[in-house]
PDB file of N, CA and C in Angstrom:
ATOM      1  N   UNK A   1      25.711 -10.340  56.443  1.00  0.00           N
ATOM      2  CA  UNK A   1      27.111 -10.009  56.588  1.00  0.00           C
ATOM      3  C   UNK A   1      27.548 -10.517  57.961  1.00  0.00           C
ATOM      4  N   UNK A   2      28.637 -11.248  58.012  1.00  0.00           N
ATOM      5  CA  UNK A   2      29.119 -11.787  59.283  1.00  0.00           C
ATOM      6  C   UNK A   2      30.578 -11.397  59.513  1.00  0.00           C
ATOM      7  N   UNK A   3      30.935 -11.329  60.794  1.00  0.00           N
ATOM      8  CA  UNK A   3      32.308 -11.033  61.189  1.00  0.00           C
ATOM      9  C   UNK A   3      32.478 -11.516  62.623  1.00  0.00           C
ATOM     10  N   UNK A   4      33.474 -12.376  62.841  1.00  0.00           N
ATOM     11  CA  UNK A   4      33.765 -12.920  64.171  1.00  0.00           C
ATOM     12  C   UNK A   4      32.505 -13.456  64.851  1.00  0.00           C
ATOM     13  N   UNK A   5      31.727 -14.216  64.119  1.00  0.00           N
ATOM     14  CA  UNK A   5      30.508 -14.859  64.606  1.00  0.00           C
ATOM     15  C   UNK A   5      29.329 -13.907  64.791  1.00  0.00           C
ATOM     16  N   UNK A   6      29.494 -12.622  64.544  1.00  0.00           N
ATOM     17  CA  UNK A   6      28.408 -11.663  64.686  1.00  0.00           C
ATOM     18  C   UNK A   6      27.776 -11.406  63.331  1.00  0.00           C
ATOM     19  N   UNK A   7      26.468 -11.182  63.333  1.00  0.00           N
ATOM     20  CA  UNK A   7      25.714 -10.992  62.095  1.00  0.00           C
ATOM     21  C   UNK A   7      25.115  -9.590  62.078  1.00  0.00           C
ATOM     22  N   UNK A   8      25.236  -8.945  60.936  1.00  0.00           N
ATOM     23  CA  UNK A   8      24.685  -7.601  60.764  1.00  0.00           C
ATOM     24  C   UNK A   8      23.342  -7.658  60.068  1.00  0.00           C
ATOM     25  N   UNK A   9      22.456  -6.807  60.510  1.00  0.00           N
ATOM     26  CA  UNK A   9      21.200  -6.554  59.802  1.00  0.00           C
ATOM     27  C   UNK A   9      21.343  -5.154  59.220  1.00  0.00           C
ATOM     28  N   UNK A  10      21.202  -5.040  57.913  1.00  0.00           N
ATOM     29  CA  UNK A  10      21.472  -3.768  57.242  1.00  0.00           C
ATOM     30  C   UNK A  10      20.277  -3.360  56.393  1.00  0.00           C
ATOM     31  N   UNK A  11      19.921  -2.085  56.477  1.00  0.00           N
ATOM     32  CA  UNK A  11      18.861  -1.523  55.647  1.00  0.00           C
ATOM     33  C   UNK A  11      19.376  -0.233  55.019  1.00  0.00           C
ATOM     34  N   UNK A  12      18.764   0.136  53.907  1.00  0.00           N
ATOM     35  CA  UNK A  12      19.103   1.409  53.295  1.00  0.00           C
ATOM     36  C   UNK A  12      18.039   2.422  53.708  1.00  0.00           C
ATOM     37  N   UNK A  13      18.482   3.549  54.236  1.00  0.00           N
ATOM     38  CA  UNK A  13      17.573   4.612  54.660  1.00  0.00           C
ATOM     39  C   UNK A  13      17.509   5.678  53.571  1.00  0.00           C
ATOM     40  N   UNK A  14      16.368   5.761  52.897  1.00  0.00           N
ATOM     41  CA  UNK A  14      16.167   6.811  51.896  1.00  0.00           C
ATOM     42  C   UNK A  14      16.274   8.178  52.548  1.00  0.00           C
ATOM     43  N   UNK A  15      15.713   8.292  53.751  1.00  0.00           N
ATOM     44  CA  UNK A  15      15.698   9.569  54.471  1.00  0.00           C
ATOM     45  C   UNK A  15      17.111  10.070  54.772  1.00  0.00           C
ATOM     46  N   UNK A  16      17.975   9.154  55.230  1.00  0.00           N
ATOM     47  CA  UNK A  16      19.341   9.526  55.593  1.00  0.00           C
ATOM     48  C   UNK A  16      20.318   9.400  54.423  1.00  0.00           C
ATOM     49  N   UNK A  17      19.922   8.674  53.381  1.00  0.00           N
ATOM     50  CA  UNK A  17      20.791   8.495  52.223  1.00  0.00           C
ATOM     51  C   UNK A  17      21.999   7.627  52.490  1.00  0.00           C
ATOM     52  N   UNK A  18      21.838   6.650  53.395  1.00  0.00           N
ATOM     53  CA  UNK A  18      22.956   5.756  53.708  1.00  0.00           C
ATOM     54  C   UNK A  18      22.430   4.425  54.231  1.00  0.00           C
ATOM     55  N   UNK A  19      23.339   3.472  54.362  1.00  0.00           N
ATOM     56  CA  UNK A  19      23.017   2.187  54.965  1.00  0.00           C
ATOM     57  C   UNK A  19      23.101   2.330  56.474  1.00  0.00           C
ATOM     58  N   UNK A  20      22.181   1.687  57.172  1.00  0.00           N
ATOM     59  CA  UNK A  20      22.182   1.674  58.633  1.00  0.00           C
ATOM     60  C   UNK A  20      22.137   0.210  59.056  1.00  0.00           C
ATOM     61  N   UNK A  21      22.993  -0.151  60.009  1.00  0.00           N
ATOM     62  CA  UNK A  21      23.038  -1.538  60.437  1.00  0.00           C
ATOM     63  C   UNK A  21      23.140  -1.681  61.937  1.00  0.00           C
ATOM     64  N   UNK A  22      22.821  -2.886  62.381  1.00  0.00           N
ATOM     65  CA  UNK A  22      23.017  -3.231  63.782  1.00  0.00           C
ATOM     66  C   UNK A  22      23.342  -4.712  63.874  1.00  0.00           C
ATOM     67  N   UNK A  23      23.921  -5.097  65.003  1.00  0.00           N
ATOM     68  CA  UNK A  23      24.249  -6.498  65.236  1.00  0.00           C
ATOM     69  C   UNK A  23      23.003  -7.180  65.778  1.00  0.00           C
ATOM     70  N   UNK A  24      22.637  -8.298  65.180  1.00  0.00           N
ATOM     71  CA  UNK A  24      21.453  -9.034  65.609  1.00  0.00           C
ATOM     72  C   UNK A  24      21.856 -10.230  66.466  1.00  0.00           C
ATOM     73  N   UNK A  25      20.929 -10.641  67.310  1.00  0.00           N
ATOM     74  CA  UNK A  25      21.141 -11.835  68.112  1.00  0.00           C
ATOM     75  C   UNK A  25      21.786 -11.590  69.462  1.00  0.00           C
ATOM     76  N   UNK A  26      22.012 -10.316  69.822  1.00  0.00           N
ATOM     77  CA  UNK A  26      22.535  -9.988  71.152  1.00  0.00           C
ATOM     78  C   UNK A  26      21.640  -8.907  71.757  1.00  0.00           C
ATOM     79  N   UNK A  27      21.636  -8.830  73.081  1.00  0.00           N
ATOM     80  CA  UNK A  27      20.810  -7.818  73.746  1.00  0.00           C
ATOM     81  C   UNK A  27      21.460  -6.444  73.745  1.00  0.00           C
ATOM     82  N   UNK A  28      22.791  -6.406  73.747  1.00  0.00           N
ATOM     83  CA  UNK A  28      23.480  -5.124  73.683  1.00  0.00           C
ATOM     84  C   UNK A  28      23.160  -4.457  72.342  1.00  0.00           C
ATOM     85  N   UNK A  29      23.131  -3.141  72.347  1.00  0.00           N
ATOM     86  CA  UNK A  29      22.819  -2.402  71.127  1.00  0.00           C
ATOM     87  C   UNK A  29      24.116  -1.911  70.488  1.00  0.00           C
ATOM     88  N   UNK A  30      24.372  -2.396  69.281  1.00  0.00           N
ATOM     89  CA  UNK A  30      25.562  -2.003  68.528  1.00  0.00           C
ATOM     90  C   UNK A  30      25.092  -1.611  67.132  1.00  0.00           C
ATOM     91  N   UNK A  31      25.206  -0.321  66.801  1.00  0.00           N
ATOM     92  CA  UNK A  31      24.741   0.214  65.519  1.00  0.00           C
ATOM     93  C   UNK A  31      25.896   0.837  64.751  1.00  0.00           C
ATOM     94  N   UNK A  32      25.716   0.968  63.440  1.00  0.00           N
ATOM     95  CA  UNK A  32      26.749   1.530  62.577  1.00  0.00           C
ATOM     96  C   UNK A  32      26.094   1.991  61.286  1.00  0.00           C
ATOM     97  N   UNK A  33      26.805   2.779  60.480  1.00  0.00           N
ATOM     98  CA  UNK A  33      26.269   3.236  59.199  1.00  0.00           C
ATOM     99  C   UNK A  33      27.395   3.465  58.202  1.00  0.00           C
ATOM    100  N   UNK A  34      27.015   3.542  56.929  1.00  0.00           N
ATOM    101  CA  UNK A  34      27.978   3.806  55.868  1.00  0.00           C
ATOM    102  C   UNK A  34      27.268   4.185  54.587  1.00  0.00           C
ATOM    103  N   UNK A  35      27.974   4.866  53.705  1.00  0.00           N
ATOM    104  CA  UNK A  35      27.383   5.340  52.456  1.00  0.00           C
ATOM    105  C   UNK A  35      27.461   4.329  51.312  1.00  0.00           C
ATOM    106  N   UNK A  36      28.298   3.303  51.439  1.00  0.00           N
ATOM    107  CA  UNK A  36      28.451   2.297  50.385  1.00  0.00           C
ATOM    108  C   UNK A  36      28.574   0.925  51.034  1.00  0.00           C
ATOM    109  N   UNK A  37      28.548  -0.110  50.209  1.00  0.00           N
ATOM    110  CA  UNK A  37      28.717  -1.463  50.741  1.00  0.00           C
ATOM    111  C   UNK A  37      30.075  -1.620  51.413  1.00  0.00           C
ATOM    112  N   UNK A  38      31.085  -1.037  50.815  1.00  0.00           N
ATOM    113  CA  UNK A  38      32.433  -1.104  51.393  1.00  0.00           C
ATOM    114  C   UNK A  38      32.467  -0.397  52.755  1.00  0.00           C
ATOM    115  N   UNK A  39      31.868   0.779  52.827  1.00  0.00           N
ATOM    116  CA  UNK A  39      31.854   1.536  54.092  1.00  0.00           C
ATOM    117  C   UNK A  39      31.046   0.830  55.173  1.00  0.00           C
ATOM    118  N   UNK A  40      29.923   0.234  54.796  1.00  0.00           N
ATOM    119  CA  UNK A  40      29.093  -0.431  55.816  1.00  0.00           C
ATOM    120  C   UNK A  40      29.809  -1.674  56.344  1.00  0.00           C
ATOM    121  N   UNK A  41      30.523  -2.388  55.477  1.00  0.00           N
ATOM    122  CA  UNK A  41      31.288  -3.553  55.939  1.00  0.00           C
ATOM    123  C   UNK A  41      32.381  -3.111  56.910  1.00  0.00           C
ATOM    124  N   UNK A  42      33.120  -2.064  56.558  1.00  0.00           N
ATOM    125  CA  UNK A  42      34.180  -1.555  57.428  1.00  0.00           C
ATOM    126  C   UNK A  42      33.603  -1.093  58.760  1.00  0.00           C
ATOM    127  N   UNK A  43      32.492  -0.363  58.706  1.00  0.00           N
ATOM    128  CA  UNK A  43      31.851   0.134  59.932  1.00  0.00           C
ATOM    129  C   UNK A  43      31.379  -1.031  60.801  1.00  0.00           C
ATOM    130  N   UNK A  44      30.839  -2.075  60.191  1.00  0.00           N
ATOM    131  CA  UNK A  44      30.386  -3.260  60.922  1.00  0.00           C
ATOM    132  C   UNK A  44      31.562  -3.929  61.622  1.00  0.00           C
ATOM    133  N   UNK A  45      32.636  -4.169  60.901  1.00  0.00           N
ATOM    134  CA  UNK A  45      33.801  -4.835  61.494  1.00  0.00           C
ATOM    135  C   UNK A  45      34.408  -3.989  62.618  1.00  0.00           C
ATOM    136  N   UNK A  46      34.492  -2.681  62.419  1.00  0.00           N
ATOM    137  CA  UNK A  46      35.011  -1.798  63.472  1.00  0.00           C
ATOM    138  C   UNK A  46      34.091  -1.812  64.693  1.00  0.00           C
ATOM    139  N   UNK A  47      32.788  -1.866  64.463  1.00  0.00           N
ATOM    140  CA  UNK A  47      31.831  -1.892  65.576  1.00  0.00           C
ATOM    141  C   UNK A  47      31.948  -3.177  66.386  1.00  0.00           C
ATOM    142  N   UNK A  48      32.125  -4.303  65.705  1.00  0.00           N
ATOM    143  CA  UNK A  48      32.319  -5.574  66.410  1.00  0.00           C
ATOM    144  C   UNK A  48      33.602  -5.511  67.232  1.00  0.00           C
ATOM    145  N   UNK A  49      34.688  -5.045  66.624  1.00  0.00           N
ATOM    146  CA  UNK A  49      35.960  -4.941  67.342  1.00  0.00           C
ATOM    147  C   UNK A  49      35.836  -4.000  68.546  1.00  0.00           C
ATOM    148  N   UNK A  50      35.164  -2.858  68.369  1.00  0.00           N
ATOM    149  CA  UNK A  50      34.950  -1.918  69.481  1.00  0.00           C
ATOM    150  C   UNK A  50      34.116  -2.548  70.585  1.00  0.00           C
ATOM    151  N   UNK A  51      33.078  -3.296  70.198  1.00  0.00           N
ATOM    152  CA  UNK A  51      32.221  -3.971  71.178  1.00  0.00           C
ATOM    153  C   UNK A  51      33.042  -4.958  72.012  1.00  0.00           C
ATOM    154  N   UNK A  52      33.852  -5.764  71.342  1.00  0.00           N
ATOM    155  CA  UNK A  52      34.669  -6.752  72.051  1.00  0.00           C
ATOM    156  C   UNK A  52      35.688  -6.076  72.972  1.00  0.00           C
ATOM    157  N   UNK A  53      36.289  -4.991  72.507  1.00  0.00           N
ATOM    158  CA  UNK A  53      37.259  -4.254  73.314  1.00  0.00           C
ATOM    159  C   UNK A  53      36.582  -3.609  74.527  1.00  0.00           C
ATOM    160  N   UNK A  54      35.413  -3.029  74.333  1.00  0.00           N
ATOM    161  CA  UNK A  54      34.674  -2.403  75.433  1.00  0.00           C
ATOM    162  C   UNK A  54      34.307  -3.437  76.497  1.00  0.00           C
ATOM    163  N   UNK A  55      33.850  -4.599  76.063  1.00  0.00           N
ATOM    164  CA  UNK A  55      33.535  -5.664  77.021  1.00  0.00           C
ATOM    165  C   UNK A  55      34.777  -6.048  77.821  1.00  0.00           C
ATOM    166  N   UNK A  56      35.897  -6.152  77.140  1.00  0.00           N
ATOM    167  CA  UNK A  56      37.157  -6.505  77.808  1.00  0.00           C
ATOM    168  C   UNK A  56      37.540  -5.420  78.816  1.00  0.00           C
ATOM    169  N   UNK A  57      37.419  -4.149  78.428  1.00  0.00           N
ATOM    170  CA  UNK A  57      37.775  -3.042  79.318  1.00  0.00           C
ATOM    171  C   UNK A  57      36.913  -3.008  80.576  1.00  0.00           C
ATOM    172  N   UNK A  58      35.641  -3.423  80.436  1.00  0.00           N
ATOM    173  CA  UNK A  58      34.733  -3.437  81.585  1.00  0.00           C
ATOM    174  C   UNK A  58      34.698  -4.799  82.274  1.00  0.00           C
ATOM    175  N   UNK A  59      35.621  -5.670  81.862  1.00  0.00           N
ATOM    176  CA  UNK A  59      35.764  -6.990  82.476  1.00  0.00           C
ATOM    177  C   UNK A  59      34.452  -7.779  82.471  1.00  0.00           C
ATOM    178  N   UNK A  60      33.794  -7.779  81.306  1.00  0.00           N
ATOM    179  CA  UNK A  60      32.581  -8.570  81.154  1.00  0.00           C
ATOM    180  C   UNK A  60      32.649  -9.364  79.863  1.00  0.00           C
ATOM    181  N   UNK A  61      31.997 -10.490  79.865  1.00  0.00           N
ATOM    182  CA  UNK A  61      32.008 -11.340  78.680  1.00  0.00           C
ATOM    183  C   UNK A  61      31.105 -10.745  77.607  1.00  0.00           C
ATOM    184  N   UNK A  62      31.573 -10.698  76.367  1.00  0.00           N
ATOM    185  CA  UNK A  62      30.700 -10.229  75.289  1.00  0.00           C
ATOM    186  C   UNK A  62      29.596 -11.249  75.049  1.00  0.00           C
ATOM    187  N   UNK A  63      28.443 -10.762  74.678  1.00  0.00           N
ATOM    188  CA  UNK A  63      27.341 -11.670  74.371  1.00  0.00           C
ATOM    189  C   UNK A  63      27.628 -12.384  73.059  1.00  0.00           C
ATOM    190  N   UNK A  64      27.267 -13.642  73.021  1.00  0.00           N
ATOM    191  CA  UNK A  64      27.384 -14.424  71.792  1.00  0.00           C
ATOM    192  C   UNK A  64      26.039 -14.364  71.080  1.00  0.00           C
ATOM    193  N   UNK A  65      26.045 -14.257  69.768  1.00  0.00           N
ATOM    194  CA  UNK A  65      24.783 -14.162  69.036  1.00  0.00           C
ATOM    195  C   UNK A  65      23.933 -15.419  69.183  1.00  0.00           C
ATOM    196  N   UNK A  66      22.661 -15.194  69.409  1.00  0.00           N
ATOM    197  CA  UNK A  66      21.674 -16.270  69.473  1.00  0.00           C
ATOM    198  C   UNK A  66      20.526 -15.851  68.568  1.00  0.00           C
ATOM    199  N   UNK A  67      20.189 -16.697  67.622  1.00  0.00           N
ATOM    200  CA  UNK A  67      19.129 -16.371  66.684  1.00  0.00           C
ATOM    201  C   UNK A  67      18.553 -17.654  66.116  1.00  0.00           C
ATOM    202  N   UNK A  68      17.331 -17.570  65.613  1.00  0.00           N
ATOM    203  CA  UNK A  68      16.727 -18.761  65.016  1.00  0.00           C
ATOM    204  C   UNK A  68      17.530 -19.224  63.815  1.00  0.00           C
ATOM    205  N   UNK A  69      17.446 -20.475  63.526  1.00  0.00           N
ATOM    206  CA  UNK A  69      18.169 -21.020  62.371  1.00  0.00           C
ATOM    207  C   UNK A  69      17.387 -20.673  61.109  1.00  0.00           C
ATOM    208  N   UNK A  70      17.606 -19.465  60.656  1.00  0.00           N
ATOM    209  CA  UNK A  70      17.003 -19.034  59.405  1.00  0.00           C
ATOM    210  C   UNK A  70      18.102 -18.576  58.468  1.00  0.00           C
ATOM    211  N   UNK A  71      17.783 -18.574  57.229  1.00  0.00           N
ATOM    212  CA  UNK A  71      18.775 -18.242  56.215  1.00  0.00           C
ATOM    213  C   UNK A  71      19.140 -16.766  56.283  1.00  0.00           C
ATOM    214  N   UNK A  72      20.445 -16.476  56.263  1.00  0.00           N
ATOM    215  CA  UNK A  72      20.944 -15.106  56.269  1.00  0.00           C
ATOM    216  C   UNK A  72      21.347 -14.724  54.841  1.00  0.00           C
ATOM    217  N   UNK A  73      21.148 -13.455  54.475  1.00  0.00           N
ATOM    218  CA  UNK A  73      21.566 -12.987  53.152  1.00  0.00           C
ATOM    219  C   UNK A  73      23.082 -12.968  53.063  1.00  0.00           C
ATOM    220  N   UNK A  74      23.588 -13.372  51.914  1.00  0.00           N
ATOM    221  CA  UNK A  74      25.023 -13.282  51.674  1.00  0.00           C
ATOM    222  C   UNK A  74      25.360 -11.873  51.184  1.00  0.00           C
ATOM    223  N   UNK A  75      26.627 -11.512  51.245  1.00  0.00           N
ATOM    224  CA  UNK A  75      27.066 -10.208  50.752  1.00  0.00           C
ATOM    225  C   UNK A  75      26.674 -10.022  49.290  1.00  0.00           C
ATOM    226  N   UNK A  76      26.801 -11.090  48.498  1.00  0.00           N
ATOM    227  CA  UNK A  76      26.471 -11.006  47.078  1.00  0.00           C
ATOM    228  C   UNK A  76      24.980 -10.719  46.891  1.00  0.00           C
ATOM    229  N   UNK A  77      24.118 -11.354  47.690  1.00  0.00           N
ATOM    230  CA  UNK A  77      22.686 -11.109  47.596  1.00  0.00           C
ATOM    231  C   UNK A  77      22.344  -9.675  47.994  1.00  0.00           C
ATOM    232  N   UNK A  78      23.029  -9.153  48.993  1.00  0.00           N
ATOM    233  CA  UNK A  78      22.797  -7.770  49.413  1.00  0.00           C
ATOM    234  C   UNK A  78      23.188  -6.826  48.289  1.00  0.00           C
ATOM    235  N   UNK A  79      24.327  -7.073  47.649  1.00  0.00           N
ATOM    236  CA  UNK A  79      24.782  -6.209  46.570  1.00  0.00           C
ATOM    237  C   UNK A  79      23.824  -6.281  45.386  1.00  0.00           C
ATOM    238  N   UNK A  80      23.359  -7.475  45.049  1.00  0.00           N
ATOM    239  CA  UNK A  80      22.415  -7.635  43.941  1.00  0.00           C
ATOM    240  C   UNK A  80      21.130  -6.872  44.248  1.00  0.00           C
ATOM    241  N   UNK A  81      20.623  -7.006  45.474  1.00  0.00           N
ATOM    242  CA  UNK A  81      19.421  -6.300  45.881  1.00  0.00           C
ATOM    243  C   UNK A  81      19.634  -4.795  45.807  1.00  0.00           C
ATOM    244  N   UNK A  82      20.788  -4.340  46.254  1.00  0.00           N
ATOM    245  CA  UNK A  82      21.139  -2.919  46.248  1.00  0.00           C
ATOM    246  C   UNK A  82      21.148  -2.384  44.815  1.00  0.00           C
ATOM    247  N   UNK A  83      21.804  -3.094  43.914  1.00  0.00           N
ATOM    248  CA  UNK A  83      21.898  -2.655  42.528  1.00  0.00           C
ATOM    249  C   UNK A  83      20.545  -2.753  41.837  1.00  0.00           C
ATOM    250  N   UNK A  84      19.780  -3.790  42.164  1.00  0.00           N
ATOM    251  CA  UNK A  84      18.450  -3.988  41.580  1.00  0.00           C
ATOM    252  C   UNK A  84      17.508  -2.849  41.926  1.00  0.00           C
ATOM    253  N   UNK A  85      17.686  -2.268  43.111  1.00  0.00           N
ATOM    254  CA  UNK A  85      16.835  -1.168  43.545  1.00  0.00           C
ATOM    255  C   UNK A  85      17.284   0.185  43.010  1.00  0.00           C
ATOM    256  N   UNK A  86      18.237   0.187  42.064  1.00  0.00           N
ATOM    257  CA  UNK A  86      18.636   1.411  41.382  1.00  0.00           C
ATOM    258  C   UNK A  86      19.703   2.208  42.078  1.00  0.00           C
ATOM    259  N   UNK A  87      20.394   1.631  43.065  1.00  0.00           N
ATOM    260  CA  UNK A  87      21.457   2.340  43.764  1.00  0.00           C
ATOM    261  C   UNK A  87      22.789   1.933  43.167  1.00  0.00           C
ATOM    262  N   UNK A  88      23.725   2.828  43.203  1.00  0.00           N
ATOM    263  CA  UNK A  88      25.071   2.530  42.726  1.00  0.00           C
ATOM    264  C   UNK A  88      26.003   2.361  43.896  1.00  0.00           C
ATOM    265  N   UNK A  89      26.955   1.454  43.796  1.00  0.00           N
ATOM    266  CA  UNK A  89      27.977   1.272  44.819  1.00  0.00           C
ATOM    267  C   UNK A  89      29.029   2.343  44.607  1.00  0.00           C
ATOM    268  N   UNK A  90      29.002   3.373  45.430  1.00  0.00           N
ATOM    269  CA  UNK A  90      29.904   4.517  45.260  1.00  0.00           C
ATOM    270  C   UNK A  90      31.235   4.256  45.908  1.00  0.00           C
TER     271      UNK A  90
END
């Protein structure tokens, strides 16, 4: 999942019963969660926007993602994997 050049790494936590994500490729720690694919996407986009705003407020440049050139999962692949594992998109 990508937004404004930032990439999310998302996992489903059986223990918490929700998706948990973080932004990959930057040293700053930006985490978010949601109960559905729609909620996790919204939480991710809000987290990126909050991160950029916080950097601006503290007069520092936001980190740009740096990561190896490896294939990232598309939203469709994440949804297929989610449904394949017996979860419903609520």
